[in-house]
């Protein structure tokens, strides 16, 4: 499973990271912070969906493509 992390920066300096495949939108104080938060949120959602039979077990090995 390949997931995309799209990044943008707000005028106040915060970073926004979005994982469109999972409808995730998170903020971070830095670019790296936003990426880490997005990855963590995505992993939790993927594991939950695996647990509920919505995704195959190998989905837990998701690869992230960071599009800046």
C-alpha atoms as a PDB file:
ATOM      1  CA  UNK A   1       0.000   0.000   0.000  1.00  0.00           C
ATOM      2  CA  UNK A   2       1.379   3.379  -1.015  1.00  0.00           C
ATOM      3  CA  UNK A   3       0.247   6.508   0.810  1.00  0.00           C
ATOM      4  CA  UNK A   4       1.030  10.097  -0.105  1.00  0.00           C
ATOM      5  CA  UNK A   5       1.853  12.833   2.386  1.00  0.00           C
ATOM      6  CA  UNK A   6       1.206  16.271   0.924  1.00  0.00           C
ATOM      7  CA  UNK A   7       2.741  19.233   2.731  1.00  0.00           C
ATOM      8  CA  UNK A   8       1.884  22.897   2.884  1.00  0.00           C
ATOM      9  CA  UNK A   9       2.882  25.738   5.160  1.00  0.00           C
ATOM     10  CA  UNK A  10       0.460  28.152   6.804  1.00  0.00           C
ATOM     11  CA  UNK A  11       1.197  31.884   7.013  1.00  0.00           C
ATOM     12  CA  UNK A  12       1.676  31.476  10.781  1.00  0.00           C
ATOM     13  CA  UNK A  13       4.537  29.025  10.147  1.00  0.00           C
ATOM     14  CA  UNK A  14       2.749  25.783  11.014  1.00  0.00           C
ATOM     15  CA  UNK A  15       2.989  22.880   8.598  1.00  0.00           C
ATOM     16  CA  UNK A  16      -0.009  20.931   7.319  1.00  0.00           C
ATOM     17  CA  UNK A  17       0.391  17.300   6.306  1.00  0.00           C
ATOM     18  CA  UNK A  18      -2.391  15.545   4.428  1.00  0.00           C
ATOM     19  CA  UNK A  19      -2.791  11.870   3.558  1.00  0.00           C
ATOM     20  CA  UNK A  20      -5.572  12.094   0.969  1.00  0.00           C
ATOM     21  CA  UNK A  21      -6.037   8.326   0.642  1.00  0.00           C
ATOM     22  CA  UNK A  22      -7.183   8.179   4.293  1.00  0.00           C
ATOM     23  CA  UNK A  23      -8.679  11.682   4.669  1.00  0.00           C
ATOM     24  CA  UNK A  24      -6.049  12.674   7.245  1.00  0.00           C
ATOM     25  CA  UNK A  25      -5.116  16.295   7.884  1.00  0.00           C
ATOM     26  CA  UNK A  26      -2.714  17.156  10.721  1.00  0.00           C
ATOM     27  CA  UNK A  27      -0.665  20.151  11.798  1.00  0.00           C
ATOM     28  CA  UNK A  28       2.920  20.224  13.004  1.00  0.00           C
ATOM     29  CA  UNK A  29       5.265  22.875  14.363  1.00  0.00           C
ATOM     30  CA  UNK A  30       7.888  21.825  11.815  1.00  0.00           C
ATOM     31  CA  UNK A  31       7.865  20.000   8.502  1.00  0.00           C
ATOM     32  CA  UNK A  32       9.272  16.846  10.116  1.00  0.00           C
ATOM     33  CA  UNK A  33       6.768  17.054  12.981  1.00  0.00           C
ATOM     34  CA  UNK A  34       3.872  17.234  10.518  1.00  0.00           C
ATOM     35  CA  UNK A  35       5.231  14.258   8.558  1.00  0.00           C
ATOM     36  CA  UNK A  36       5.631  12.178  11.727  1.00  0.00           C
ATOM     37  CA  UNK A  37       2.120  13.032  12.913  1.00  0.00           C
ATOM     38  CA  UNK A  38       0.649  12.104   9.521  1.00  0.00           C
ATOM     39  CA  UNK A  39       2.538   8.795   9.462  1.00  0.00           C
ATOM     40  CA  UNK A  40       1.413   7.936  12.993  1.00  0.00           C
ATOM     41  CA  UNK A  41      -2.213   8.757  12.254  1.00  0.00           C
ATOM     42  CA  UNK A  42      -2.113   6.772   9.007  1.00  0.00           C
ATOM     43  CA  UNK A  43      -0.594   3.729  10.709  1.00  0.00           C
ATOM     44  CA  UNK A  44      -3.293   3.776  13.406  1.00  0.00           C
ATOM     45  CA  UNK A  45      -6.066   4.003  10.817  1.00  0.00           C
ATOM     46  CA  UNK A  46      -4.565   1.251   8.661  1.00  0.00           C
ATOM     47  CA  UNK A  47      -4.182  -1.078  11.673  1.00  0.00           C
ATOM     48  CA  UNK A  48      -7.772  -0.371  12.718  1.00  0.00           C
ATOM     49  CA  UNK A  49      -9.048  -1.125   9.219  1.00  0.00           C
ATOM     50  CA  UNK A  50      -7.021  -4.353   9.136  1.00  0.00           C
ATOM     51  CA  UNK A  51      -8.514  -5.342  12.506  1.00  0.00           C
ATOM     52  CA  UNK A  52     -12.018  -4.778  11.109  1.00  0.00           C
ATOM     53  CA  UNK A  53     -11.325  -6.708   7.896  1.00  0.00           C
ATOM     54  CA  UNK A  54     -11.470  -3.603   5.701  1.00  0.00           C
ATOM     55  CA  UNK A  55      -7.877  -3.937   4.476  1.00  0.00           C
ATOM     56  CA  UNK A  56      -5.644  -6.968   3.898  1.00  0.00           C
ATOM     57  CA  UNK A  57      -2.993  -7.691   6.578  1.00  0.00           C
ATOM     58  CA  UNK A  58      -0.090  -6.718   4.303  1.00  0.00           C
ATOM     59  CA  UNK A  59      -1.417  -3.141   4.278  1.00  0.00           C
ATOM     60  CA  UNK A  60       0.437  -2.578   7.559  1.00  0.00           C
ATOM     61  CA  UNK A  61       3.615  -2.294   5.462  1.00  0.00           C
ATOM     62  CA  UNK A  62       2.466   0.975   3.928  1.00  0.00           C
ATOM     63  CA  UNK A  63       5.078   3.033   2.092  1.00  0.00           C
ATOM     64  CA  UNK A  64       4.892   6.802   2.377  1.00  0.00           C
ATOM     65  CA  UNK A  65       5.652   9.098  -0.525  1.00  0.00           C
ATOM     66  CA  UNK A  66       6.266  12.631   0.754  1.00  0.00           C
ATOM     67  CA  UNK A  67       5.212  15.170  -1.860  1.00  0.00           C
ATOM     68  CA  UNK A  68       6.512  18.590  -0.840  1.00  0.00           C
END
